[in-house]
N, C-alpha and C. Protein backbone atom coordinates (compact mmCIF):
# COMPACT_ATOMS: atom_id res chain seq x y z
N UNK A 1 110.55 77.61 110.88
CA UNK A 1 109.59 78.05 112.32
C UNK A 1 108.36 78.61 111.69
N UNK A 2 107.38 78.20 112.19
CA UNK A 2 106.41 78.58 111.92
C UNK A 2 105.44 79.48 112.82
N UNK A 3 105.06 80.48 112.26
CA UNK A 3 104.20 81.78 112.81
C UNK A 3 103.16 81.60 113.62
N UNK A 4 102.49 80.55 114.46
CA UNK A 4 101.73 80.35 114.64
C UNK A 4 101.79 79.04 116.05
N UNK A 5 100.71 79.69 117.16
CA UNK A 5 101.01 79.07 117.88
C UNK A 5 99.86 78.72 118.61
N UNK A 6 99.77 77.74 119.24
CA UNK A 6 98.83 77.57 120.28
C UNK A 6 98.73 77.18 122.03
N UNK A 7 97.71 78.35 122.75
CA UNK A 7 97.92 78.62 123.69
C UNK A 7 97.38 77.55 125.16
N UNK A 8 97.61 78.11 126.15
CA UNK A 8 96.90 76.69 126.85
C UNK A 8 95.93 76.58 127.17
N UNK A 9 94.70 77.05 125.11
CA UNK A 9 93.36 76.53 126.40
C UNK A 9 94.01 75.50 124.29
N UNK A 10 94.50 75.98 123.90
CA UNK A 10 94.43 75.43 122.58
C UNK A 10 93.65 76.26 121.32
N UNK A 11 94.06 77.06 121.28
CA UNK A 11 93.60 77.73 120.81
C UNK A 11 94.79 78.90 119.71
N UNK A 12 94.69 78.65 118.65
CA UNK A 12 95.66 78.31 117.60
C UNK A 12 96.35 79.82 117.65
N UNK A 13 97.31 81.09 118.13
CA UNK A 13 97.11 82.22 117.50
C UNK A 13 98.49 82.37 116.87
N UNK A 14 98.96 83.48 116.03
CA UNK A 14 100.08 83.39 115.54
C UNK A 14 100.48 84.62 116.51
N UNK A 15 102.46 84.56 115.72
CA UNK A 15 103.65 84.93 116.52
C UNK A 15 103.52 86.04 116.62
N UNK A 16 104.35 86.93 117.52
CA UNK A 16 103.28 88.00 118.59
C UNK A 16 104.66 88.82 117.69
N UNK A 17 104.96 89.91 116.72
CA UNK A 17 106.08 90.88 117.07
C UNK A 17 106.18 91.80 118.25
N UNK A 18 105.10 92.46 118.16
CA UNK A 18 105.08 93.56 119.38
C UNK A 18 103.66 93.76 119.87
N UNK A 19 104.07 93.45 121.27
CA UNK A 19 103.32 93.45 122.79
C UNK A 19 102.20 94.98 122.76
N UNK A 20 101.03 94.92 123.13
CA UNK A 20 100.81 96.54 123.63
C UNK A 20 99.89 95.76 125.00
N UNK A 21 100.02 96.24 126.18
CA UNK A 21 99.46 95.98 127.22
C UNK A 21 98.78 98.12 127.47
N UNK A 22 97.54 98.01 127.85
CA UNK A 22 96.57 98.49 127.11
C UNK A 22 95.20 98.57 128.50
N UNK A 23 95.95 97.16 129.81
CA UNK A 23 94.62 96.85 130.47
C UNK A 23 94.37 98.28 131.58
N UNK A 24 93.12 98.35 132.24
CA UNK A 24 92.74 99.38 132.80
C UNK A 24 92.51 100.64 131.63
N UNK A 25 92.74 100.28 130.44
CA UNK A 25 92.49 102.08 129.82
C UNK A 25 90.62 101.59 129.23
N UNK A 26 89.77 103.10 128.89
CA UNK A 26 89.10 102.42 128.75
C UNK A 26 88.90 102.98 126.89
N UNK A 27 87.47 102.75 126.22
CA UNK A 27 87.59 103.11 124.82
C UNK A 27 87.84 104.51 125.44
N UNK A 28 88.53 105.42 124.11
CA UNK A 28 89.16 105.14 123.22
C UNK A 28 90.68 104.55 123.00
N UNK A 29 91.06 104.62 124.61
CA UNK A 29 92.29 105.04 124.29
C UNK A 29 93.58 103.05 124.40
N UNK A 30 93.02 102.14 124.06
CA UNK A 30 93.31 101.18 123.46
C UNK A 30 93.53 100.93 122.31
N UNK A 31 92.49 101.34 121.60
CA UNK A 31 92.43 101.62 120.13
C UNK A 31 93.27 101.93 119.41
N UNK A 32 93.39 103.67 120.29
CA UNK A 32 94.79 104.70 119.70
C UNK A 32 95.93 103.69 120.43
N UNK A 33 96.12 103.26 121.13
CA UNK A 33 97.51 103.17 121.55
C UNK A 33 97.63 102.01 120.45
N UNK A 34 96.70 100.20 120.03
CA UNK A 34 97.38 99.83 119.14
C UNK A 34 97.47 100.93 117.57
N UNK A 35 96.25 101.24 116.59
CA UNK A 35 97.10 102.23 115.34
C UNK A 35 97.97 102.78 115.92
N UNK A 36 98.25 103.54 117.12
CA UNK A 36 100.10 104.24 117.15
C UNK A 36 101.75 102.96 117.12
N UNK A 37 100.50 101.46 117.67
CA UNK A 37 102.37 99.94 117.70
C UNK A 37 102.64 100.04 116.46
N UNK A 38 100.37 100.02 115.63
CA UNK A 38 101.50 99.44 114.11
C UNK A 38 101.68 100.23 113.07
N UNK A 39 101.34 101.51 113.74
CA UNK A 39 102.47 102.37 112.67
C UNK A 39 103.48 101.62 112.36
N UNK A 40 104.35 101.09 113.93
CA UNK A 40 105.21 100.57 114.00
C UNK A 40 106.01 99.12 112.94
N UNK A 41 104.94 98.54 112.62
CA UNK A 41 104.80 97.31 112.33
C UNK A 41 105.12 97.05 110.84
N UNK A 42 105.86 96.46 109.89
CA UNK A 42 106.68 96.04 108.52
C UNK A 42 104.98 96.03 108.07
N UNK A 43 104.57 95.41 107.15
CA UNK A 43 103.59 94.87 106.50
C UNK A 43 103.20 93.93 107.36
N UNK A 44 102.26 92.05 107.07
CA UNK A 44 102.06 91.31 107.45
C UNK A 44 102.44 91.22 109.39
N UNK A 45 103.16 92.05 109.62
CA UNK A 45 103.52 91.68 111.42
C UNK A 45 103.18 91.12 111.51
N UNK A 46 102.74 90.86 113.50
CA UNK A 46 101.45 91.36 114.18
C UNK A 46 101.75 92.07 115.59
N UNK A 47 100.51 92.55 115.77
CA UNK A 47 100.40 93.41 117.18
C UNK A 47 99.16 92.16 118.34
N UNK A 48 100.08 91.95 119.39
CA UNK A 48 99.59 91.94 120.60
C UNK A 48 99.09 92.62 121.66
N UNK A 49 97.39 92.99 121.37
CA UNK A 49 96.31 93.66 121.95
C UNK A 49 96.36 93.37 123.36
N UNK A 50 96.02 93.20 124.55
CA UNK A 50 95.80 93.01 125.64
C UNK A 50 94.89 94.32 126.39
N UNK A 51 94.12 93.68 126.78
CA UNK A 51 92.58 94.96 127.19
C UNK A 51 92.19 94.37 127.90
N UNK A 52 91.40 95.23 129.16
CA UNK A 52 90.67 95.41 129.91
C UNK A 52 88.65 95.08 130.05
N UNK A 53 88.84 95.99 129.09
CA UNK A 53 87.45 96.52 128.88
C UNK A 53 86.43 95.67 127.81
N UNK A 54 84.95 96.38 128.32
CA UNK A 54 84.45 94.95 128.58
C UNK A 54 84.06 95.66 127.31
N UNK A 55 84.52 96.59 126.93
CA UNK A 55 83.60 96.67 125.25
C UNK A 55 84.76 96.16 123.58
N UNK A 56 85.87 96.21 124.35
CA UNK A 56 87.43 95.99 123.24
C UNK A 56 87.02 95.47 122.37
N UNK A 57 86.64 94.14 123.09
CA UNK A 57 86.23 93.27 121.50
C UNK A 57 85.42 93.87 120.65
N UNK A 58 84.63 93.33 120.22
CA UNK A 58 83.41 95.17 119.64
C UNK A 58 84.69 95.78 119.29
N UNK A 59 85.10 96.90 119.48
CA UNK A 59 85.69 97.59 119.45
C UNK A 59 87.04 97.31 118.75
N UNK A 60 87.13 96.26 118.49
CA UNK A 60 88.33 95.90 117.79
C UNK A 60 88.19 94.57 117.42
N UNK A 61 87.43 94.23 116.32
CA UNK A 61 86.23 94.36 114.85
C UNK A 61 85.68 94.83 113.95
N UNK A 62 85.81 96.14 115.39
CA UNK A 62 84.93 97.26 114.15
C UNK A 62 86.22 98.70 113.91
N UNK A 63 87.57 97.02 114.25
CA UNK A 63 88.87 98.27 113.69
C UNK A 63 89.38 98.02 113.01
N UNK A 64 89.63 96.67 112.22
CA UNK A 64 90.35 96.03 111.83
C UNK A 64 89.60 96.51 110.65
N UNK A 65 88.23 95.63 111.01
CA UNK A 65 87.15 95.63 109.59
C UNK A 65 87.81 97.14 108.75
N UNK A 66 87.24 98.49 109.91
CA UNK A 66 87.88 99.72 109.12
C UNK A 66 88.92 100.17 108.75
N UNK A 67 90.31 99.45 108.90
CA UNK A 67 90.98 99.91 109.00
C UNK A 67 92.09 98.44 107.68
N UNK A 68 91.01 97.81 107.31
CA UNK A 68 91.74 96.94 106.22
C UNK A 68 92.83 95.69 107.48
N UNK A 69 93.07 95.85 108.56
CA UNK A 69 93.98 94.54 109.54
C UNK A 69 93.01 94.32 109.52
N UNK A 70 94.16 92.65 108.99
CA UNK A 70 93.05 91.59 110.17
C UNK A 70 93.50 91.63 111.20
N UNK A 71 91.81 90.72 111.70
CA UNK A 71 91.93 90.47 113.45
C UNK A 71 92.30 88.61 112.96
N UNK A 72 93.23 88.08 113.31
CA UNK A 72 94.40 87.28 113.91
C UNK A 72 93.41 86.19 115.36
N UNK A 73 93.37 86.62 116.36
CA UNK A 73 92.21 86.40 117.08
C UNK A 73 91.89 87.11 118.16
N UNK A 74 90.81 86.89 119.12
CA UNK A 74 90.63 87.18 120.18
C UNK A 74 91.10 86.47 121.25
N UNK A 75 91.49 86.60 122.33
CA UNK A 75 91.43 85.10 123.41
C UNK A 75 91.47 85.29 124.67
N UNK A 76 90.13 85.79 125.14
CA UNK A 76 90.10 86.11 126.83
C UNK A 76 91.00 85.26 128.22
N UNK A 77 91.54 85.33 128.04
CA UNK A 77 92.65 85.83 129.63
C UNK A 77 92.41 86.24 130.91
N UNK A 78 91.07 85.16 131.43
CA UNK A 78 90.48 85.85 132.64
C UNK A 78 89.43 87.09 131.95
N UNK A 79 89.67 87.72 133.03
CA UNK A 79 89.27 89.89 132.64
C UNK A 79 90.00 90.18 131.48
N UNK A 80 90.37 89.76 131.32
CA UNK A 80 92.21 90.27 130.23
C UNK A 80 90.96 90.07 128.64
N UNK A 81 91.31 90.55 128.10
CA UNK A 81 91.59 90.25 126.14
C UNK A 81 92.37 89.88 126.12
N UNK A 82 93.76 89.46 124.85
CA UNK A 82 94.37 90.05 123.50
C UNK A 82 93.79 89.46 122.51
N UNK A 83 93.93 90.70 121.44
CA UNK A 83 93.60 90.39 120.72
C UNK A 83 94.80 90.91 119.97
N UNK A 84 94.84 90.26 118.48
CA UNK A 84 96.00 90.25 117.64
C UNK A 84 95.46 90.35 116.18
N UNK A 85 96.24 91.75 116.22
CA UNK A 85 95.82 92.00 114.46
C UNK A 85 97.28 92.82 113.32
N UNK A 86 97.03 92.14 112.52
CA UNK A 86 97.74 91.65 111.42
C UNK A 86 98.32 92.11 110.40
N UNK A 87 99.92 93.65 111.02
CA UNK A 87 99.54 95.02 110.11
C UNK A 87 98.76 94.70 108.22
N UNK A 88 98.11 95.53 107.93
CA UNK A 88 97.65 95.43 106.03
C UNK A 88 98.76 95.60 105.34
């Protein structure tokens, strides 16, 4: 079984172990929700966070860099963006 899938846009995304819907929340709440969810995961597992905040793409890039968690993908889906973080 592969740990990668392809979405309807043809983008390769990792299989998800936990998903958090942070739609409608503004910074810093999506990051705080992600941090809390990552604490529940084992090393190597993937968290998907769905956001609608216009600054979330940059926020999650900075968060991944600061925490050492890998930002596997950021996929725009209409007004929402799905961020895929692999726990370090």
